[in-house]
C-alpha atoms as a PDB file:
ATOM      1  CA  MET A   1      19.650   2.164 -16.008  1.00  0.00           C
ATOM      2  CA  SER A   2      16.604  -0.138 -16.089  1.00  0.00           C
ATOM      3  CA  VAL A   3      17.428  -1.241 -19.639  1.00  0.00           C
ATOM      4  CA  SER A   4      20.983  -2.216 -18.735  1.00  0.00           C
ATOM      5  CA  VAL A   5      19.773  -4.032 -15.624  1.00  0.00           C
ATOM      6  CA  SER A   6      17.234  -6.019 -17.569  1.00  0.00           C
ATOM      7  CA  ALA A   7      19.669  -6.838 -20.343  1.00  0.00           C
ATOM      8  CA  SER A   8      22.435  -7.903 -17.967  1.00  0.00           C
ATOM      9  CA  ALA A   9      20.114 -10.119 -15.969  1.00  0.00           C
ATOM     10  CA  SER A  10      18.663 -11.598 -19.132  1.00  0.00           C
ATOM     11  CA  ALA A  11      22.136 -12.622 -20.238  1.00  0.00           C
ATOM     12  CA  ALA A  12      22.302 -14.970 -17.252  1.00  0.00           C
ATOM     13  CA  ALA A  13      18.972 -16.629 -18.137  1.00  0.00           C
ATOM     14  CA  PRO A  14      17.791 -18.856 -20.980  1.00  0.00           C
ATOM     15  CA  ALA A  15      15.801 -17.388 -23.865  1.00  0.00           C
ATOM     16  CA  ALA A  16      12.466 -16.232 -22.510  1.00  0.00           C
ATOM     17  CA  ARG A  17       9.267 -17.749 -23.816  1.00  0.00           C
ATOM     18  CA  PRO A  18       6.225 -15.492 -24.349  1.00  0.00           C
ATOM     19  CA  LEU A  19       4.045 -15.058 -21.272  1.00  0.00           C
ATOM     20  CA  TRP A  20       0.717 -14.307 -22.935  1.00  0.00           C
ATOM     21  CA  PRO A  21      -0.378 -17.982 -23.205  1.00  0.00           C
ATOM     22  CA  LEU A  22       0.242 -18.438 -19.470  1.00  0.00           C
ATOM     23  CA  HIS A  23      -1.552 -15.188 -18.604  1.00  0.00           C
ATOM     24  CA  LEU A  24      -4.452 -16.138 -20.859  1.00  0.00           C
ATOM     25  CA  GLY A  25      -4.685 -19.629 -19.360  1.00  0.00           C
ATOM     26  CA  LEU A  26      -4.587 -18.415 -15.771  1.00  0.00           C
ATOM     27  CA  GLY A  27      -7.061 -15.634 -16.537  1.00  0.00           C
ATOM     28  CA  GLY A  28      -9.451 -18.152 -18.082  1.00  0.00           C
ATOM     29  CA  LEU A  29      -9.059 -20.430 -15.064  1.00  0.00           C
ATOM     30  CA  ILE A  30      -9.895 -17.528 -12.741  1.00  0.00           C
ATOM     31  CA  LEU A  31     -13.048 -16.714 -14.728  1.00  0.00           C
ATOM     32  CA  VAL A  32     -14.202 -20.339 -14.509  1.00  0.00           C
ATOM     33  CA  LEU A  33     -13.455 -20.562 -10.778  1.00  0.00           C
ATOM     34  CA  PHE A  34     -15.126 -17.187 -10.164  1.00  0.00           C
ATOM     35  CA  ALA A  35     -18.319 -18.383 -11.858  1.00  0.00           C
ATOM     36  CA  LEU A  36     -18.231 -21.716 -10.021  1.00  0.00           C
ATOM     37  CA  SER A  37     -17.658 -19.936  -6.698  1.00  0.00           C
ATOM     38  CA  LEU A  38     -20.884 -17.988  -7.212  1.00  0.00           C
ATOM     39  CA  GLN A  39     -22.625 -21.222  -8.165  1.00  0.00           C
ATOM     40  CA  PHE A  40     -21.581 -23.497  -5.312  1.00  0.00           C
ATOM     41  CA  GLY A  41     -22.894 -23.098  -1.790  1.00  0.00           C
ATOM     42  CA  TYR A  42     -25.317 -24.528   0.713  1.00  0.00           C
ATOM     43  CA  VAL A  43     -28.256 -23.501  -1.494  1.00  0.00           C
ATOM     44  CA  ASP A  44     -28.417 -25.164  -4.916  1.00  0.00           C
ATOM     45  CA  VAL A  45     -29.220 -22.679  -7.674  1.00  0.00           C
ATOM     46  CA  ALA A  46     -29.375 -23.058 -11.457  1.00  0.00           C
ATOM     47  CA  PRO A  47     -26.451 -21.315 -13.231  1.00  0.00           C
ATOM     48  CA  GLY A  48     -28.688 -18.969 -15.208  1.00  0.00           C
ATOM     49  CA  ARG A  49     -30.425 -17.770 -12.050  1.00  0.00           C
ATOM     50  CA  VAL A  50     -27.066 -17.114 -10.367  1.00  0.00           C
ATOM     51  CA  VAL A  51     -25.982 -14.843 -13.215  1.00  0.00           C
ATOM     52  CA  ALA A  52     -29.288 -12.971 -13.068  1.00  0.00           C
ATOM     53  CA  ALA A  53     -29.077 -12.654  -9.270  1.00  0.00           C
ATOM     54  CA  ALA A  54     -25.546 -11.230  -9.523  1.00  0.00           C
ATOM     55  CA  PHE A  55     -27.099  -8.331 -11.464  1.00  0.00           C
ATOM     56  CA  GLY A  56     -29.959  -7.982  -8.978  1.00  0.00           C
ATOM     57  CA  ILE A  57     -32.545  -9.780 -11.134  1.00  0.00           C
ATOM     58  CA  GLY A  58     -34.824 -12.497  -9.757  1.00  0.00           C
ATOM     59  CA  ASP A  59     -36.032 -13.691  -6.389  1.00  0.00           C
ATOM     60  CA  ASP A  60     -35.068 -11.329  -3.547  1.00  0.00           C
ATOM     61  CA  LYS A  61     -33.780 -14.177  -1.382  1.00  0.00           C
ATOM     62  CA  LEU A  62     -31.525 -15.463  -4.156  1.00  0.00           C
ATOM     63  CA  VAL A  63     -30.271 -11.944  -4.937  1.00  0.00           C
ATOM     64  CA  THR A  64     -29.342 -11.537  -1.263  1.00  0.00           C
ATOM     65  CA  ILE A  65     -27.490 -14.871  -1.220  1.00  0.00           C
ATOM     66  CA  VAL A  66     -25.474 -14.076  -4.346  1.00  0.00           C
ATOM     67  CA  GLN A  67     -24.842 -10.351  -3.887  1.00  0.00           C
ATOM     68  CA  ASP A  68     -24.441 -10.160  -0.109  1.00  0.00           C
ATOM     69  CA  LEU A  69     -22.806 -13.521   0.661  1.00  0.00           C
ATOM     70  CA  ARG A  70     -21.187 -15.238  -2.304  1.00  0.00           C
ATOM     71  CA  LEU A  71     -19.995 -12.274  -4.393  1.00  0.00           C
ATOM     72  CA  PRO A  72     -18.053 -10.446  -1.609  1.00  0.00           C
ATOM     73  CA  ARG A  73     -16.570 -13.759  -0.498  1.00  0.00           C
ATOM     74  CA  THR A  74     -15.441 -14.574  -4.021  1.00  0.00           C
ATOM     75  CA  LEU A  75     -13.986 -11.120  -4.643  1.00  0.00           C
ATOM     76  CA  LEU A  76     -12.016 -11.243  -1.400  1.00  0.00           C
ATOM     77  CA  ALA A  77     -10.624 -14.698  -2.177  1.00  0.00           C
ATOM     78  CA  LEU A  78      -9.518 -13.414  -5.584  1.00  0.00           C
ATOM     79  CA  MET A  79      -7.849 -10.252  -4.228  1.00  0.00           C
ATOM     80  CA  ILE A  80      -6.202 -11.924  -1.234  1.00  0.00           C
ATOM     81  CA  GLY A  81      -4.874 -14.802  -3.321  1.00  0.00           C
ATOM     82  CA  ALA A  82      -3.387 -12.359  -5.833  1.00  0.00           C
ATOM     83  CA  ALA A  83      -1.785 -10.294  -3.047  1.00  0.00           C
ATOM     84  CA  MET A  84      -0.260 -13.358  -1.387  1.00  0.00           C
ATOM     85  CA  GLY A  85       1.002 -14.839  -4.647  1.00  0.00           C
ATOM     86  CA  MET A  86       2.725 -11.677  -5.872  1.00  0.00           C
ATOM     87  CA  SER A  87       4.192 -10.908  -2.437  1.00  0.00           C
ATOM     88  CA  GLY A  88       5.707 -14.368  -2.263  1.00  0.00           C
ATOM     89  CA  ALA A  89       7.282 -14.008  -5.716  1.00  0.00           C
ATOM     90  CA  VAL A  90       8.823 -10.633  -4.812  1.00  0.00           C
ATOM     91  CA  LEU A  91      10.202 -11.818  -1.470  1.00  0.00           C
ATOM     92  CA  GLN A  92      11.722 -14.946  -2.977  1.00  0.00           C
ATOM     93  CA  GLY A  93      13.433 -12.791  -5.590  1.00  0.00           C
ATOM     94  CA  LEU A  94      14.548 -10.157  -3.087  1.00  0.00           C
ATOM     95  CA  LEU A  95      15.939 -12.571  -0.524  1.00  0.00           C
ATOM     96  CA  ARG A  96      17.058 -15.111  -3.140  1.00  0.00           C
ATOM     97  CA  ASN A  97      15.549 -17.744  -0.884  1.00  0.00           C
ATOM     98  CA  PRO A  98      13.085 -20.313  -2.278  1.00  0.00           C
ATOM     99  CA  LEU A  99      11.539 -20.713   1.190  1.00  0.00           C
ATOM    100  CA  ALA A 100      10.591 -17.040   1.603  1.00  0.00           C
ATOM    101  CA  GLU A 101       6.907 -16.098   1.828  1.00  0.00           C
ATOM    102  CA  PRO A 102       4.867 -13.113   3.124  1.00  0.00           C
ATOM    103  CA  GLY A 103       4.941 -14.280   6.732  1.00  0.00           C
ATOM    104  CA  VAL A 104       8.747 -14.043   6.776  1.00  0.00           C
ATOM    105  CA  LEU A 105       8.646 -10.262   7.398  1.00  0.00           C
ATOM    106  CA  GLY A 106       6.384 -10.584  10.432  1.00  0.00           C
ATOM    107  CA  VAL A 107       3.660  -8.409   8.878  1.00  0.00           C
ATOM    108  CA  THR A 108       1.137 -11.265   8.945  1.00  0.00           C
ATOM    109  CA  SER A 109       1.688 -11.909  12.656  1.00  0.00           C
ATOM    110  CA  ALA A 110       1.620  -8.187  13.465  1.00  0.00           C
ATOM    111  CA  ALA A 111      -1.721  -7.788  11.693  1.00  0.00           C
ATOM    112  CA  GLY A 112      -3.019 -10.791  13.607  1.00  0.00           C
ATOM    113  CA  LEU A 113      -1.897  -9.252  16.885  1.00  0.00           C
ATOM    114  CA  GLY A 114      -3.735  -6.030  16.051  1.00  0.00           C
ATOM    115  CA  ALA A 115      -6.945  -7.975  15.512  1.00  0.00           C
ATOM    116  CA  ILE A 116      -6.463  -9.949  18.742  1.00  0.00           C
ATOM    117  CA  VAL A 117      -6.009  -6.704  20.691  1.00  0.00           C
ATOM    118  CA  ALA A 118      -9.329  -5.387  19.316  1.00  0.00           C
ATOM    119  CA  ILE A 119     -11.103  -8.595  20.350  1.00  0.00           C
ATOM    120  CA  TYR A 120      -9.405  -8.767  23.767  1.00  0.00           C
ATOM    121  CA  PHE A 121     -10.426  -5.257  24.788  1.00  0.00           C
ATOM    122  CA  GLY A 122     -13.955  -5.638  23.417  1.00  0.00           C
ATOM    123  CA  LEU A 123     -13.507  -3.072  20.655  1.00  0.00           C
ATOM    124  CA  SER A 124     -14.976  -5.527  18.149  1.00  0.00           C
ATOM    125  CA  LYS A 125     -18.293  -5.350  20.009  1.00  0.00           C
ATOM    126  CA  MET A 126     -18.384  -1.557  20.145  1.00  0.00           C
ATOM    127  CA  LEU A 127     -17.128  -0.699  16.647  1.00  0.00           C
ATOM    128  CA  PRO A 128     -18.125  -2.737  13.565  1.00  0.00           C
ATOM    129  CA  TYR A 129     -14.737  -2.581  11.866  1.00  0.00           C
ATOM    130  CA  ALA A 130     -12.457  -2.442  14.871  1.00  0.00           C
ATOM    131  CA  VAL A 131     -10.857  -5.803  14.020  1.00  0.00           C
ATOM    132  CA  PRO A 132      -9.713  -5.035  10.428  1.00  0.00           C
ATOM    133  CA  VAL A 133      -8.681  -1.483  11.322  1.00  0.00           C
ATOM    134  CA  SER A 134      -6.644  -2.698  14.312  1.00  0.00           C
ATOM    135  CA  ALA A 135      -5.092  -5.392  12.149  1.00  0.00           C
ATOM    136  CA  MET A 136      -3.971  -2.805   9.593  1.00  0.00           C
ATOM    137  CA  ILE A 137      -2.540  -0.668  12.405  1.00  0.00           C
ATOM    138  CA  GLY A 138      -0.557  -3.696  13.582  1.00  0.00           C
ATOM    139  CA  ALA A 139       0.732  -4.242  10.049  1.00  0.00           C
ATOM    140  CA  GLY A 140       1.636  -0.546   9.890  1.00  0.00           C
ATOM    141  CA  VAL A 141       3.702  -0.742  13.076  1.00  0.00           C
ATOM    142  CA  ALA A 142       5.609  -3.737  11.692  1.00  0.00           C
ATOM    143  CA  THR A 143       6.122  -1.885   8.415  1.00  0.00           C
ATOM    144  CA  ALA A 144       7.523   1.165  10.223  1.00  0.00           C
ATOM    145  CA  THR A 145       9.992  -1.078  12.077  1.00  0.00           C
ATOM    146  CA  LEU A 146      11.102  -2.772   8.879  1.00  0.00           C
ATOM    147  CA  TYR A 147      11.322   0.594   7.112  1.00  0.00           C
ATOM    148  CA  ALA A 148      13.744   1.825   9.782  1.00  0.00           C
ATOM    149  CA  ILE A 149      15.913  -1.242   9.159  1.00  0.00           C
ATOM    150  CA  VAL A 150      15.870  -0.726   5.394  1.00  0.00           C
ATOM    151  CA  ALA A 151      16.603   3.002   5.754  1.00  0.00           C
ATOM    152  CA  ALA A 152      19.633   2.156   7.876  1.00  0.00           C
ATOM    153  CA  GLY A 153      21.034   0.168   4.951  1.00  0.00           C
ATOM    154  CA  ARG A 154      21.002  -3.202   6.691  1.00  0.00           C
ATOM    155  CA  SER A 155      21.468  -6.428   4.739  1.00  0.00           C
ATOM    156  CA  GLY A 156      18.781  -8.795   3.517  1.00  0.00           C
ATOM    157  CA  LEU A 157      19.726 -11.239   6.261  1.00  0.00           C
ATOM    158  CA  THR A 158      19.077  -8.565   8.883  1.00  0.00           C
ATOM    159  CA  LEU A 159      15.663  -7.987   7.327  1.00  0.00           C
ATOM    160  CA  ILE A 160      14.842 -11.692   7.611  1.00  0.00           C
ATOM    161  CA  LEU A 161      16.022 -11.873  11.229  1.00  0.00           C
ATOM    162  CA  ALA A 162      14.011  -8.774  12.113  1.00  0.00           C
ATOM    163  CA  GLY A 163      10.925 -10.344  10.523  1.00  0.00           C
ATOM    164  CA  VAL A 164      11.433 -13.546  12.521  1.00  0.00           C
ATOM    165  CA  ALA A 165      11.798 -11.515  15.712  1.00  0.00           C
ATOM    166  CA  ILE A 166       8.658  -9.462  14.998  1.00  0.00           C
ATOM    167  CA  SER A 167       6.717 -12.605  14.156  1.00  0.00           C
ATOM    168  CA  GLY A 168       7.863 -14.425  17.289  1.00  0.00           C
ATOM    169  CA  LEU A 169       7.004 -11.480  19.538  1.00  0.00           C
ATOM    170  CA  CYS A 170       3.561 -11.034  17.971  1.00  0.00           C
ATOM    171  CA  VAL A 171       2.716 -14.735  18.281  1.00  0.00           C
ATOM    172  CA  ALA A 172       3.807 -14.662  21.934  1.00  0.00           C
ATOM    173  CA  LEU A 173       1.599 -11.631  22.616  1.00  0.00           C
ATOM    174  CA  GLN A 174      -1.331 -13.302  20.841  1.00  0.00           C
ATOM    175  CA  SER A 175      -0.917 -16.336  23.096  1.00  0.00           C
ATOM    176  CA  LEU A 176      -0.645 -14.084  26.144  1.00  0.00           C
ATOM    177  CA  ALA A 177      -3.914 -12.337  25.257  1.00  0.00           C
ATOM    178  CA  MET A 178      -5.703 -15.663  24.871  1.00  0.00           C
ATOM    179  CA  ASN A 179      -4.167 -16.943  28.088  1.00  0.00           C
ATOM    180  CA  LEU A 180      -5.243 -13.888  30.115  1.00  0.00           C
ATOM    181  CA  SER A 181      -8.691 -13.474  28.572  1.00  0.00           C
ATOM    182  CA  PRO A 182     -11.367 -14.098  31.258  1.00  0.00           C
ATOM    183  CA  ASN A 183     -14.015 -14.613  28.581  1.00  0.00           C
ATOM    184  CA  PRO A 184     -13.973 -18.038  26.849  1.00  0.00           C
ATOM    185  CA  TRP A 185     -16.158 -16.662  24.056  1.00  0.00           C
ATOM    186  CA  ALA A 186     -13.538 -14.038  23.291  1.00  0.00           C
ATOM    187  CA  VAL A 187     -10.867 -16.751  23.149  1.00  0.00           C
ATOM    188  CA  ASN A 188     -12.992 -18.704  20.679  1.00  0.00           C
ATOM    189  CA  GLU A 189     -13.395 -15.583  18.559  1.00  0.00           C
ATOM    190  CA  MET A 190      -9.624 -15.011  18.578  1.00  0.00           C
ATOM    191  CA  VAL A 191      -8.894 -18.594  17.576  1.00  0.00           C
ATOM    192  CA  PHE A 192     -11.513 -18.674  14.821  1.00  0.00           C
ATOM    193  CA  TRP A 193     -10.256 -15.367  13.420  1.00  0.00           C
ATOM    194  CA  LEU A 194      -6.653 -16.550  13.367  1.00  0.00           C
ATOM    195  CA  LEU A 195      -7.670 -19.693  11.456  1.00  0.00           C
ATOM    196  CA  GLY A 196      -8.537 -17.519   8.458  1.00  0.00           C
ATOM    197  CA  SER A 197     -11.731 -17.280   6.437  1.00  0.00           C
ATOM    198  CA  VAL A 198     -13.593 -15.103   3.939  1.00  0.00           C
ATOM    199  CA  LYS A 199     -16.975 -16.405   5.077  1.00  0.00           C
ATOM    200  CA  ASP A 200     -19.683 -13.884   6.015  1.00  0.00           C
ATOM    201  CA  ARG A 201     -17.753 -10.901   4.648  1.00  0.00           C
ATOM    202  CA  SER A 202     -19.531  -7.983   2.986  1.00  0.00           C
ATOM    203  CA  PHE A 203     -18.878  -5.415   0.283  1.00  0.00           C
ATOM    204  CA  THR A 204     -17.844  -3.031   3.056  1.00  0.00           C
ATOM    205  CA  ASP A 205     -14.922  -5.388   3.774  1.00  0.00           C
ATOM    206  CA  VAL A 206     -14.109  -5.453   0.054  1.00  0.00           C
ATOM    207  CA  ALA A 207     -14.140  -1.655  -0.128  1.00  0.00           C
ATOM    208  CA  LEU A 208     -12.035  -1.401   3.034  1.00  0.00           C
ATOM    209  CA  VAL A 209      -9.100  -3.487   1.826  1.00  0.00           C
ATOM    210  CA  ALA A 210      -9.244  -3.171  -1.983  1.00  0.00           C
ATOM    211  CA  PRO A 211      -7.355   0.170  -2.141  1.00  0.00           C
ATOM    212  CA  PHE A 212      -4.547  -1.121   0.100  1.00  0.00           C
ATOM    213  CA  ILE A 213      -4.182  -4.371  -1.848  1.00  0.00           C
ATOM    214  CA  ALA A 214      -4.225  -2.515  -5.176  1.00  0.00           C
ATOM    215  CA  LEU A 215      -1.611   0.009  -4.021  1.00  0.00           C
ATOM    216  CA  GLY A 216       0.545  -2.750  -2.534  1.00  0.00           C
ATOM    217  CA  THR A 217       0.588  -4.773  -5.757  1.00  0.00           C
ATOM    218  CA  VAL A 218       1.493  -1.684  -7.790  1.00  0.00           C
ATOM    219  CA  VAL A 219       4.450  -1.012  -5.466  1.00  0.00           C
ATOM    220  CA  LEU A 220       5.543  -4.651  -5.727  1.00  0.00           C
ATOM    221  CA  VAL A 221       5.476  -4.554  -9.536  1.00  0.00           C
ATOM    222  CA  THR A 222       7.886  -1.596  -9.536  1.00  0.00           C
ATOM    223  CA  ALA A 223      10.541  -3.816  -7.930  1.00  0.00           C
ATOM    224  CA  GLY A 224      10.537  -6.295 -10.830  1.00  0.00           C
ATOM    225  CA  ARG A 225      13.511  -5.049 -12.888  1.00  0.00           C
ATOM    226  CA  ALA A 226      15.715  -4.589  -9.836  1.00  0.00           C
ATOM    227  CA  LEU A 227      14.925  -8.165  -8.766  1.00  0.00           C
ATOM    228  CA  ASN A 228      16.255  -9.325 -12.149  1.00  0.00           C
ATOM    229  CA  ALA A 229      19.608  -7.739 -11.356  1.00  0.00           C
ATOM    230  CA  LEU A 230      19.653  -9.307  -7.882  1.00  0.00           C
ATOM    231  CA  THR A 231      19.750 -12.767  -9.467  1.00  0.00           C
ATOM    232  CA  LEU A 232      23.389 -11.915 -10.289  1.00  0.00           C
ATOM    233  CA  GLY A 233      24.126 -11.158  -6.616  1.00  0.00           C
ATOM    234  CA  GLU A 234      24.034  -7.972  -4.532  1.00  0.00           C
ATOM    235  CA  ASP A 235      27.499  -6.801  -5.601  1.00  0.00           C
ATOM    236  CA  ALA A 236      26.648  -7.210  -9.277  1.00  0.00           C
ATOM    237  CA  ALA A 237      23.310  -5.426  -8.768  1.00  0.00           C
ATOM    238  CA  LEU A 238      25.083  -2.513  -7.084  1.00  0.00           C
ATOM    239  CA  SER A 239      27.536  -2.296  -9.976  1.00  0.00           C
ATOM    240  CA  LEU A 240      24.566  -2.055 -12.353  1.00  0.00           C
ATOM    241  CA  GLY A 241      23.253   0.942 -10.431  1.00  0.00           C
ATOM    242  CA  VAL A 242      20.506  -0.812  -8.465  1.00  0.00           C
ATOM    243  CA  SER A 243      19.650   0.791  -5.120  1.00  0.00           C
ATOM    244  CA  LEU A 244      19.314  -2.144  -2.721  1.00  0.00           C
ATOM    245  CA  SER A 245      17.661  -0.026  -0.055  1.00  0.00           C
ATOM    246  CA  ARG A 246      15.076   1.180  -2.571  1.00  0.00           C
ATOM    247  CA  VAL A 247      14.138  -2.289  -3.807  1.00  0.00           C
ATOM    248  CA  ARG A 248      13.964  -3.603  -0.223  1.00  0.00           C
ATOM    249  CA  LEU A 249      11.752  -0.676   0.697  1.00  0.00           C
ATOM    250  CA  ALA A 250       9.430  -1.390  -2.237  1.00  0.00           C
ATOM    251  CA  ALA A 251       9.209  -5.053  -1.217  1.00  0.00           C
ATOM    252  CA  VAL A 252       8.546  -4.228   2.438  1.00  0.00           C
ATOM    253  CA  VAL A 253       5.956  -1.513   1.788  1.00  0.00           C
ATOM    254  CA  GLY A 254       4.216  -3.420  -0.998  1.00  0.00           C
ATOM    255  CA  THR A 255       4.026  -6.642   1.033  1.00  0.00           C
ATOM    256  CA  SER A 256       2.870  -4.787   4.133  1.00  0.00           C
ATOM    257  CA  LEU A 257       0.073  -3.015   2.280  1.00  0.00           C
ATOM    258  CA  ALA A 258      -1.157  -6.027   0.329  1.00  0.00           C
ATOM    259  CA  VAL A 259      -0.693  -8.753   2.928  1.00  0.00           C
ATOM    260  CA  GLY A 260      -1.538  -6.563   5.918  1.00  0.00           C
ATOM    261  CA  ALA A 261      -4.879  -5.613   4.358  1.00  0.00           C
ATOM    262  CA  SER A 262      -5.547  -9.249   3.440  1.00  0.00           C
ATOM    263  CA  VAL A 263      -4.922 -10.480   6.976  1.00  0.00           C
ATOM    264  CA  ALA A 264      -6.972  -7.581   8.337  1.00  0.00           C
ATOM    265  CA  VAL A 265     -10.135  -8.837   6.703  1.00  0.00           C
ATOM    266  CA  ALA A 266      -9.565 -12.598   6.384  1.00  0.00           C
ATOM    267  CA  GLY A 267      -7.291 -13.621   9.253  1.00  0.00           C
ATOM    268  CA  GLY A 268      -4.368 -15.982   8.855  1.00  0.00           C
ATOM    269  CA  ILE A 269      -4.182 -17.597   5.406  1.00  0.00           C
ATOM    270  CA  GLY A 270      -0.723 -18.975   4.769  1.00  0.00           C
ATOM    271  CA  PHE A 271       1.406 -20.781   2.204  1.00  0.00           C
ATOM    272  CA  ILE A 272      -0.179 -19.246  -0.930  1.00  0.00           C
ATOM    273  CA  GLY A 273       2.860 -17.001  -1.361  1.00  0.00           C
ATOM    274  CA  LEU A 274       5.186 -19.979  -0.934  1.00  0.00           C
ATOM    275  CA  VAL A 275       3.476 -22.548  -3.145  1.00  0.00           C
ATOM    276  CA  VAL A 276       2.318 -20.525  -6.160  1.00  0.00           C
ATOM    277  CA  PRO A 277       5.676 -18.983  -7.258  1.00  0.00           C
ATOM    278  CA  HIS A 278       7.294 -22.426  -7.140  1.00  0.00           C
ATOM    279  CA  LEU A 279       4.559 -24.024  -9.216  1.00  0.00           C
ATOM    280  CA  LEU A 280       4.802 -21.319 -11.892  1.00  0.00           C
ATOM    281  CA  ARG A 281       8.553 -20.620 -11.945  1.00  0.00           C
ATOM    282  CA  PRO A 282       9.348 -23.405 -14.479  1.00  0.00           C
ATOM    283  CA  ALA A 283       6.824 -21.852 -16.882  1.00  0.00           C
ATOM    284  CA  VAL A 284       8.325 -18.342 -16.838  1.00  0.00           C
ATOM    285  CA  GLY A 285      12.077 -18.898 -16.768  1.00  0.00           C
ATOM    286  CA  HIS A 286      14.540 -17.457 -14.299  1.00  0.00           C
ATOM    287  CA  LEU A 287      13.740 -13.735 -14.292  1.00  0.00           C
ATOM    288  CA  PRO A 288      11.791 -12.727 -11.153  1.00  0.00           C
ATOM    289  CA  SER A 289      10.004  -9.886 -12.969  1.00  0.00           C
ATOM    290  CA  ARG A 290       8.332 -12.427 -15.272  1.00  0.00           C
ATOM    291  CA  LEU A 291       6.980 -14.322 -12.268  1.00  0.00           C
ATOM    292  CA  LEU A 292       5.101 -11.453 -10.584  1.00  0.00           C
ATOM    293  CA  VAL A 293       1.892 -11.272 -12.638  1.00  0.00           C
ATOM    294  CA  PRO A 294       1.580 -15.077 -13.103  1.00  0.00           C
ATOM    295  CA  SER A 295       2.000 -15.509  -9.327  1.00  0.00           C
ATOM    296  CA  ALA A 296      -0.790 -13.004  -8.687  1.00  0.00           C
ATOM    297  CA  LEU A 297      -3.077 -14.822 -11.142  1.00  0.00           C
ATOM    298  CA  GLY A 298      -2.086 -18.229  -9.785  1.00  0.00           C
ATOM    299  CA  GLY A 299      -2.594 -17.121  -6.184  1.00  0.00           C
ATOM    300  CA  ALA A 300      -6.069 -15.839  -7.004  1.00  0.00           C
ATOM    301  CA  ALA A 301      -6.962 -19.127  -8.738  1.00  0.00           C
ATOM    302  CA  LEU A 302      -5.604 -21.276  -5.912  1.00  0.00           C
ATOM    303  CA  LEU A 303      -7.423 -19.400  -3.159  1.00  0.00           C
ATOM    304  CA  LEU A 304     -10.676 -19.378  -5.152  1.00  0.00           C
ATOM    305  CA  ALA A 305     -10.355 -23.156  -5.527  1.00  0.00           C
ATOM    306  CA  ALA A 306      -9.543 -23.631  -1.831  1.00  0.00           C
ATOM    307  CA  ASP A 307     -12.510 -21.506  -0.751  1.00  0.00           C
ATOM    308  CA  MET A 308     -14.761 -23.529  -3.023  1.00  0.00           C
ATOM    309  CA  ALA A 309     -13.402 -26.739  -1.525  1.00  0.00           C
ATOM    310  CA  VAL A 310     -14.373 -25.761   2.025  1.00  0.00           C
ATOM    311  CA  ARG A 311     -17.961 -25.254   0.841  1.00  0.00           C
ATOM    312  CA  LEU A 312     -18.100 -28.562  -1.022  1.00  0.00           C
ATOM    313  CA  ILE A 313     -17.158 -30.547   2.091  1.00  0.00           C
ATOM    314  CA  GLN A 314     -20.598 -31.096   3.579  1.00  0.00           C
ATOM    315  CA  GLU A 315     -19.688 -33.131   6.663  1.00  0.00           C
ATOM    316  CA  GLY A 316     -19.523 -31.190   9.944  1.00  0.00           C
ATOM    317  CA  PRO A 317     -18.889 -27.449  10.327  1.00  0.00           C
ATOM    318  CA  GLU A 318     -17.255 -25.542   7.492  1.00  0.00           C
ATOM    319  CA  LEU A 319     -13.471 -25.749   7.539  1.00  0.00           C
ATOM    320  CA  HIS A 320     -11.597 -22.486   7.840  1.00  0.00           C
ATOM    321  CA  LEU A 321      -9.753 -21.398   4.721  1.00  0.00           C
ATOM    322  CA  GLY A 322      -6.432 -21.019   6.565  1.00  0.00           C
ATOM    323  CA  VAL A 323      -6.671 -24.635   7.696  1.00  0.00           C
ATOM    324  CA  VAL A 324      -7.090 -25.886   4.125  1.00  0.00           C
ATOM    325  CA  THR A 325      -4.205 -23.814   2.742  1.00  0.00           C
ATOM    326  CA  SER A 326      -1.976 -25.012   5.593  1.00  0.00           C
ATOM    327  CA  LEU A 327      -2.900 -28.656   4.972  1.00  0.00           C
ATOM    328  CA  LEU A 328      -1.900 -28.174   1.338  1.00  0.00           C
ATOM    329  CA  GLY A 329       1.100 -25.928   1.940  1.00  0.00           C
ATOM    330  CA  ALA A 330       2.856 -27.577   4.889  1.00  0.00           C
ATOM    331  CA  PRO A 331       3.752 -30.824   3.025  1.00  0.00           C
ATOM    332  CA  PHE A 332       4.872 -28.720   0.050  1.00  0.00           C
ATOM    333  CA  PHE A 333       7.037 -26.621   2.372  1.00  0.00           C
ATOM    334  CA  LEU A 334       8.646 -29.784   3.776  1.00  0.00           C
ATOM    335  CA  TYR A 335       9.294 -30.991   0.226  1.00  0.00           C
ATOM    336  CA  LEU A 336      10.997 -27.680  -0.619  1.00  0.00           C
ATOM    337  CA  ILE A 337      13.197 -27.924   2.474  1.00  0.00           C
ATOM    338  CA  LEU A 338      14.316 -31.426   1.551  1.00  0.00           C
ATOM    339  CA  LYS A 339      14.831 -30.446  -2.090  1.00  0.00           C
ATOM    340  CA  THR A 340      16.865 -27.376  -1.137  1.00  0.00           C
ATOM    341  CA  LYS A 341      19.011 -29.397   1.256  1.00  0.00           C
ATOM    342  CA  THR A 342      19.632 -32.017  -1.440  1.00  0.00           C
ATOM    343  CA  GLY A 343      20.609 -29.301  -3.907  1.00  0.00           C
ATOM    344  CA  LEU A 344      23.158 -27.868  -1.495  1.00  0.00           C
ATOM    345  CA  SER A 345      24.682 -31.171  -0.406  1.00  0.00           C
END
């Protein structure tokens, strides 16, 4: 069945160009950005000493800076960017909507609400990892709701509307918690967390979310061939033997695992899943399955670059990563809206 799906979808697309040059280029870019991310910071260090410190060699203070501060931060930016990029590519293929991105399912907002609940009730002060664990529970609740919708055989439009409803409710409850909080310091903590950042994270955070992100991306990759068939329309995909409920389930579960874990440890970081697939789509052709891995690599590169940018801006307090991605992504989103409207008119 998968062979016929791939072949039928390929017939509707131009001849595919090889992907290995793109993968190689993006992989090389990630390696360069990874090395530069370890290099740049508030303490200037020679490149050779940074490499040695990453392996625990050299001055104890420098080893602490590289291994305990910069390396976990860099690894998280890489993993979260990859999760956001691939999730965006899958959702755009599933919903056949160029404006779709991970936040459309409401999982991002639900994870944020879970974290806000932990802060509001003071759990973050009593338990070290109450915030990320509560965030993943929030993402799990949203996933269970979406799973029930998929299992009932609802349409893709129903899935979008349910995601909008979940997102709206979670944002309202976040605002309610901040409004009712008697402690202004708690409100500040909520706001700063929602702005998104990978600053001051540790290897414990990396170990906490890495399995969920890895499992989520594997699930998302399995949806690739079915997404190819969906480019022909839902009726055509059904005639080719594609189970729409199964591919929707894979997209929902994969996005929830990958994005929910990302939000759990880094807060709200948006627009990566919207921008990256659009930037790379011209380079891969029209088959969604060809876009998944490049989007993961591109998302990792973009978030590494954005996190480096917030450290290079020396004036005032460090900008939050979610602020930078929103400043870059919001104008791009407006451009896509105008472009889509022009294409339909």
